Amino acid sequence: MRMRLAIVLLTVAAAALTGCNDANEGEHVRTVGWFLDHRDELAMALKACRDNPGERGKTPDCINANEARKKAFVKEMKDAIK
């Protein structure tokens, strides 16, 4: 009886914890290329990332938005030199 109870409790605990790391579940992650093609959304994403870096700073969207910002800056500098 104790063994069954222990198995049931472990199963319930494991089932309860399976969704704990799904913070971005249902949220579509945008790529660097997408941000480069959608500059208005890039600006909004960068603002949201700067406004709440503790919660959003390490999310895939913030990482991709920052990378897109860097690539856009390099492209603008190359275009300015031409």
N, C-alpha and C. Protein backbone atom coordinates (compact mmCIF):
# COMPACT_ATOMS: atom_id res chain seq x y z
N MET A 1 0.82 -1.19 0.00
CA MET A 1 0.00 0.00 0.00
C MET A 1 0.86 1.26 0.00
N ARG A 2 1.92 1.26 0.82
CA ARG A 2 2.80 2.43 0.86
C ARG A 2 3.49 2.66 -0.49
N MET A 3 3.86 1.56 -1.11
CA MET A 3 4.55 1.65 -2.40
C MET A 3 3.63 2.28 -3.45
N ARG A 4 2.37 1.87 -3.44
CA ARG A 4 1.40 2.44 -4.38
C ARG A 4 1.19 3.93 -4.13
N LEU A 5 1.09 4.29 -2.88
CA LEU A 5 0.91 5.69 -2.52
C LEU A 5 2.11 6.52 -2.96
N ALA A 6 3.30 5.99 -2.75
CA ALA A 6 4.52 6.70 -3.17
C ALA A 6 4.56 6.87 -4.68
N ILE A 7 4.18 5.84 -5.41
CA ILE A 7 4.16 5.91 -6.88
C ILE A 7 3.14 6.93 -7.35
N VAL A 8 1.97 6.92 -6.75
CA VAL A 8 0.92 7.87 -7.13
C VAL A 8 1.39 9.30 -6.84
N LEU A 9 1.97 9.55 -5.68
CA LEU A 9 2.45 10.89 -5.34
C LEU A 9 3.56 11.35 -6.29
N LEU A 10 4.48 10.47 -6.61
CA LEU A 10 5.55 10.83 -7.54
C LEU A 10 5.00 11.12 -8.93
N THR A 11 4.03 10.35 -9.34
CA THR A 11 3.42 10.57 -10.65
C THR A 11 2.70 11.91 -10.70
N VAL A 12 1.95 12.21 -9.66
CA VAL A 12 1.23 13.49 -9.60
C VAL A 12 2.23 14.66 -9.57
N ALA A 13 3.29 14.53 -8.79
CA ALA A 13 4.29 15.59 -8.71
C ALA A 13 4.97 15.80 -10.05
N ALA A 14 5.32 14.71 -10.72
CA ALA A 14 5.97 14.82 -12.03
C ALA A 14 5.04 15.47 -13.04
N ALA A 15 3.78 15.10 -13.03
CA ALA A 15 2.81 15.67 -13.95
C ALA A 15 2.61 17.17 -13.68
N ALA A 16 2.63 17.55 -12.42
CA ALA A 16 2.45 18.96 -12.07
C ALA A 16 3.63 19.81 -12.50
N LEU A 17 4.81 19.23 -12.49
CA LEU A 17 6.02 19.99 -12.81
C LEU A 17 6.36 20.02 -14.29
N THR A 18 5.70 19.24 -15.11
CA THR A 18 6.07 19.17 -16.53
C THR A 18 5.90 20.49 -17.25
N GLY A 19 4.99 21.33 -16.87
CA GLY A 19 4.76 22.59 -17.57
C GLY A 19 5.46 23.78 -16.95
N CYS A 20 6.29 23.59 -15.96
CA CYS A 20 6.90 24.72 -15.26
C CYS A 20 7.85 25.54 -16.12
N ASN A 21 8.52 24.96 -17.06
CA ASN A 21 9.50 25.68 -17.87
C ASN A 21 8.92 26.19 -19.17
N ASP A 22 7.63 26.14 -19.35
CA ASP A 22 7.00 26.58 -20.58
C ASP A 22 6.51 28.02 -20.46
N ALA A 23 7.40 28.94 -20.09
CA ALA A 23 7.03 30.34 -19.88
C ALA A 23 6.55 31.00 -21.17
N ASN A 24 7.11 30.60 -22.31
CA ASN A 24 6.75 31.21 -23.59
C ASN A 24 5.79 30.34 -24.39
N GLU A 25 5.10 29.43 -23.73
CA GLU A 25 4.21 28.53 -24.43
C GLU A 25 3.10 29.32 -25.12
N GLY A 26 2.86 29.00 -26.37
CA GLY A 26 1.84 29.68 -27.13
C GLY A 26 2.31 31.00 -27.74
N GLU A 27 3.50 31.42 -27.41
CA GLU A 27 4.04 32.68 -27.93
C GLU A 27 4.99 32.34 -29.08
N HIS A 28 4.72 32.90 -30.24
CA HIS A 28 5.53 32.63 -31.42
C HIS A 28 6.85 33.40 -31.32
N VAL A 29 7.96 32.71 -31.50
CA VAL A 29 9.28 33.34 -31.45
C VAL A 29 9.60 33.87 -32.85
N ARG A 30 9.94 35.13 -32.90
CA ARG A 30 10.27 35.78 -34.18
C ARG A 30 11.77 35.64 -34.45
N THR A 31 12.13 35.45 -35.71
CA THR A 31 13.53 35.28 -36.07
C THR A 31 14.19 36.64 -36.30
N VAL A 32 15.52 36.62 -36.40
CA VAL A 32 16.27 37.84 -36.68
C VAL A 32 15.83 38.40 -38.03
N GLY A 33 15.70 37.54 -39.02
CA GLY A 33 15.27 37.98 -40.35
C GLY A 33 13.89 38.62 -40.33
N TRP A 34 12.99 38.05 -39.52
CA TRP A 34 11.64 38.62 -39.43
C TRP A 34 11.72 40.03 -38.86
N PHE A 35 12.52 40.21 -37.81
CA PHE A 35 12.66 41.53 -37.21
C PHE A 35 13.28 42.52 -38.21
N LEU A 36 14.22 42.06 -39.03
CA LEU A 36 14.82 42.95 -40.02
C LEU A 36 13.80 43.39 -41.07
N ASP A 37 12.84 42.52 -41.36
CA ASP A 37 11.80 42.86 -42.33
C ASP A 37 10.65 43.67 -41.71
N HIS A 38 10.56 43.72 -40.40
CA HIS A 38 9.47 44.41 -39.70
C HIS A 38 10.08 45.36 -38.66
N ARG A 39 10.56 46.49 -39.12
CA ARG A 39 11.29 47.42 -38.26
C ARG A 39 10.43 48.03 -37.15
N ASP A 40 9.15 48.25 -37.40
CA ASP A 40 8.29 48.81 -36.35
C ASP A 40 8.15 47.83 -35.18
N GLU A 41 7.95 46.55 -35.52
CA GLU A 41 7.86 45.54 -34.47
C GLU A 41 9.19 45.36 -33.76
N LEU A 42 10.29 45.53 -34.49
CA LEU A 42 11.62 45.46 -33.88
C LEU A 42 11.76 46.55 -32.83
N ALA A 43 11.35 47.74 -33.17
CA ALA A 43 11.44 48.86 -32.22
C ALA A 43 10.58 48.59 -30.98
N MET A 44 9.38 48.06 -31.19
CA MET A 44 8.50 47.76 -30.05
C MET A 44 9.09 46.65 -29.18
N ALA A 45 9.66 45.62 -29.81
CA ALA A 45 10.25 44.52 -29.05
C ALA A 45 11.45 45.01 -28.25
N LEU A 46 12.29 45.84 -28.87
CA LEU A 46 13.46 46.36 -28.15
C LEU A 46 13.04 47.21 -26.96
N LYS A 47 11.98 48.00 -27.13
CA LYS A 47 11.49 48.82 -26.02
C LYS A 47 10.98 47.93 -24.89
N ALA A 48 10.21 46.90 -25.23
CA ALA A 48 9.68 45.98 -24.22
C ALA A 48 10.82 45.26 -23.49
N CYS A 49 11.86 44.90 -24.22
CA CYS A 49 13.01 44.22 -23.61
C CYS A 49 13.77 45.15 -22.68
N ARG A 50 13.91 46.41 -23.08
CA ARG A 50 14.60 47.39 -22.22
C ARG A 50 13.78 47.75 -20.99
N ASP A 51 12.45 47.80 -21.16
CA ASP A 51 11.58 48.18 -20.05
C ASP A 51 11.52 47.13 -18.95
N ASN A 52 11.74 45.87 -19.30
CA ASN A 52 11.65 44.80 -18.31
C ASN A 52 12.74 43.75 -18.57
N PRO A 53 14.01 44.13 -18.41
CA PRO A 53 15.09 43.19 -18.73
C PRO A 53 15.16 42.00 -17.79
N GLY A 54 14.70 42.15 -16.58
CA GLY A 54 14.73 41.03 -15.63
C GLY A 54 13.85 39.88 -16.05
N GLU A 55 12.70 40.20 -16.64
CA GLU A 55 11.77 39.15 -17.05
C GLU A 55 11.94 38.78 -18.52
N ARG A 56 12.21 39.77 -19.37
CA ARG A 56 12.23 39.52 -20.81
C ARG A 56 13.62 39.46 -21.42
N GLY A 57 14.64 39.89 -20.69
CA GLY A 57 15.97 40.03 -21.27
C GLY A 57 16.56 38.81 -21.91
N LYS A 58 16.26 37.63 -21.38
CA LYS A 58 16.83 36.39 -21.91
C LYS A 58 15.83 35.57 -22.71
N THR A 59 14.71 36.18 -23.10
CA THR A 59 13.74 35.46 -23.92
C THR A 59 14.24 35.40 -25.36
N PRO A 60 13.82 34.39 -26.11
CA PRO A 60 14.26 34.28 -27.51
C PRO A 60 13.93 35.52 -28.34
N ASP A 61 12.76 36.13 -28.12
CA ASP A 61 12.42 37.33 -28.89
C ASP A 61 13.37 38.48 -28.60
N CYS A 62 13.74 38.69 -27.34
CA CYS A 62 14.65 39.77 -27.00
C CYS A 62 16.05 39.51 -27.56
N ILE A 63 16.49 38.28 -27.48
CA ILE A 63 17.80 37.94 -28.03
C ILE A 63 17.80 38.16 -29.54
N ASN A 64 16.76 37.70 -30.23
CA ASN A 64 16.68 37.87 -31.68
C ASN A 64 16.52 39.34 -32.06
N ALA A 65 15.75 40.09 -31.29
CA ALA A 65 15.58 41.52 -31.58
C ALA A 65 16.90 42.27 -31.41
N ASN A 66 17.65 41.96 -30.38
CA ASN A 66 18.94 42.62 -30.19
C ASN A 66 19.92 42.25 -31.30
N GLU A 67 19.90 41.01 -31.75
CA GLU A 67 20.77 40.61 -32.86
C GLU A 67 20.36 41.32 -34.14
N ALA A 68 19.06 41.45 -34.37
CA ALA A 68 18.57 42.17 -35.55
C ALA A 68 18.98 43.64 -35.50
N ARG A 69 18.93 44.24 -34.30
CA ARG A 69 19.37 45.64 -34.15
C ARG A 69 20.84 45.78 -34.52
N LYS A 70 21.67 44.85 -34.08
CA LYS A 70 23.09 44.90 -34.40
C LYS A 70 23.32 44.77 -35.90
N LYS A 71 22.62 43.82 -36.54
CA LYS A 71 22.77 43.61 -37.99
C LYS A 71 22.29 44.84 -38.76
N ALA A 72 21.19 45.44 -38.33
CA ALA A 72 20.67 46.63 -39.00
C ALA A 72 21.66 47.78 -38.87
N PHE A 73 22.28 47.92 -37.72
CA PHE A 73 23.26 48.98 -37.49
C PHE A 73 24.46 48.80 -38.40
N VAL A 74 24.97 47.58 -38.50
CA VAL A 74 26.13 47.30 -39.36
C VAL A 74 25.77 47.59 -40.81
N LYS A 75 24.57 47.19 -41.24
CA LYS A 75 24.16 47.45 -42.63
C LYS A 75 24.06 48.95 -42.89
N GLU A 76 23.51 49.69 -41.94
CA GLU A 76 23.39 51.14 -42.11
C GLU A 76 24.77 51.79 -42.19
N MET A 77 25.71 51.31 -41.41
CA MET A 77 27.07 51.86 -41.45
C MET A 77 27.73 51.55 -42.79
N LYS A 78 27.55 50.33 -43.29
CA LYS A 78 28.12 49.97 -44.60
C LYS A 78 27.49 50.81 -45.71
N ASP A 79 26.18 51.02 -45.63
CA ASP A 79 25.50 51.84 -46.64
C ASP A 79 25.96 53.28 -46.57
N ALA A 80 26.29 53.78 -45.39
CA ALA A 80 26.73 55.17 -45.24
C ALA A 80 28.12 55.37 -45.83
N ILE A 81 28.93 54.34 -45.81
CA ILE A 81 30.30 54.43 -46.34
C ILE A 81 30.30 54.46 -47.85
N LYS A 82 29.32 53.83 -48.50
CA LYS A 82 29.27 53.75 -49.97
C LYS A 82 29.20 55.10 -50.62
